[in-house]
Amino acid sequence: MEWGPDLLHALLRACTQVKAKRLFLWFSDRHGHTWRQALETDHIDLGRGKRMLIKGGA
């Protein structure tokens, strides 16, 4: 498999850590990576509800 959105999609689907996946996607949005638009997050389990890195924080 080549490097690109397909590989990232497979890695995100295989990852079991919801916080890690959400943080990865947040950073990719924040830094405006062009490959982010190609990722389909519909089939990636991102959990439910809000997540906080620090209690009472963002």
Protein backbone atom coordinates (compact mmCIF):
# COMPACT_ATOMS: atom_id res chain seq x y z
CA MET A 1 0.00 0.00 0.00
CA GLU A 2 1.32 3.44 -0.92
CA TRP A 3 1.55 6.40 1.41
CA GLY A 4 -1.54 8.54 1.16
CA PRO A 5 -5.16 8.84 2.24
CA ASP A 6 -5.83 5.11 1.72
CA LEU A 7 -3.08 4.12 4.13
CA LEU A 8 -4.10 6.77 6.67
CA HIS A 9 -7.71 5.59 6.45
CA ALA A 10 -6.64 1.99 7.11
CA LEU A 11 -4.47 3.03 10.06
CA LEU A 12 -7.23 5.14 11.59
CA ARG A 13 -9.72 2.28 11.24
CA ALA A 14 -7.29 -0.14 12.90
CA CYS A 15 -6.50 2.23 15.78
CA THR A 16 -8.45 1.50 18.98
CA GLN A 17 -7.70 4.78 20.78
CA VAL A 18 -10.55 7.27 20.22
CA LYS A 19 -8.60 10.18 21.69
CA ALA A 20 -5.62 9.50 19.43
CA LYS A 21 -7.82 9.42 16.31
CA ARG A 22 -9.66 12.59 17.25
CA LEU A 23 -6.42 14.40 18.09
CA PHE A 24 -4.83 13.29 14.81
CA LEU A 25 -7.81 14.56 12.79
CA TRP A 26 -7.92 17.81 14.78
CA PHE A 27 -4.24 18.50 14.07
CA SER A 28 -4.67 17.66 10.38
CA ASP A 29 -7.59 20.13 10.17
CA ARG A 30 -5.69 22.77 12.14
CA HIS A 31 -2.63 22.58 9.88
CA GLY A 32 -4.69 22.42 6.68
CA HIS A 33 -3.22 19.25 5.20
CA THR A 34 -4.45 18.72 1.64
CA TRP A 35 -4.91 14.96 2.11
CA ARG A 36 -7.40 15.57 4.94
CA GLN A 37 -10.22 16.21 2.46
CA ALA A 38 -9.66 12.78 0.92
CA LEU A 39 -10.13 10.95 4.25
CA GLU A 40 -13.59 9.48 4.72
CA THR A 41 -14.33 9.60 8.44
CA ASP A 42 -17.77 7.97 8.10
CA HIS A 43 -16.30 4.51 8.65
CA ILE A 44 -13.88 5.49 11.42
CA ASP A 45 -15.07 5.02 15.02
CA LEU A 46 -14.57 8.40 16.70
CA GLY A 47 -16.67 7.60 19.75
CA ARG A 48 -19.66 9.62 20.89
CA GLY A 49 -19.97 12.91 22.66
CA LYS A 50 -17.30 15.42 23.55
CA ARG A 51 -13.79 14.41 24.57
CA MET A 52 -11.47 16.48 26.73
CA LEU A 53 -7.71 16.14 27.02
CA ILE A 54 -7.82 17.97 30.35
CA LYS A 55 -10.84 17.83 32.67
CA GLY A 56 -12.74 21.10 32.32
CA GLY A 57 -10.48 22.09 29.40
CA ALA A 58 -10.86 22.24 25.65
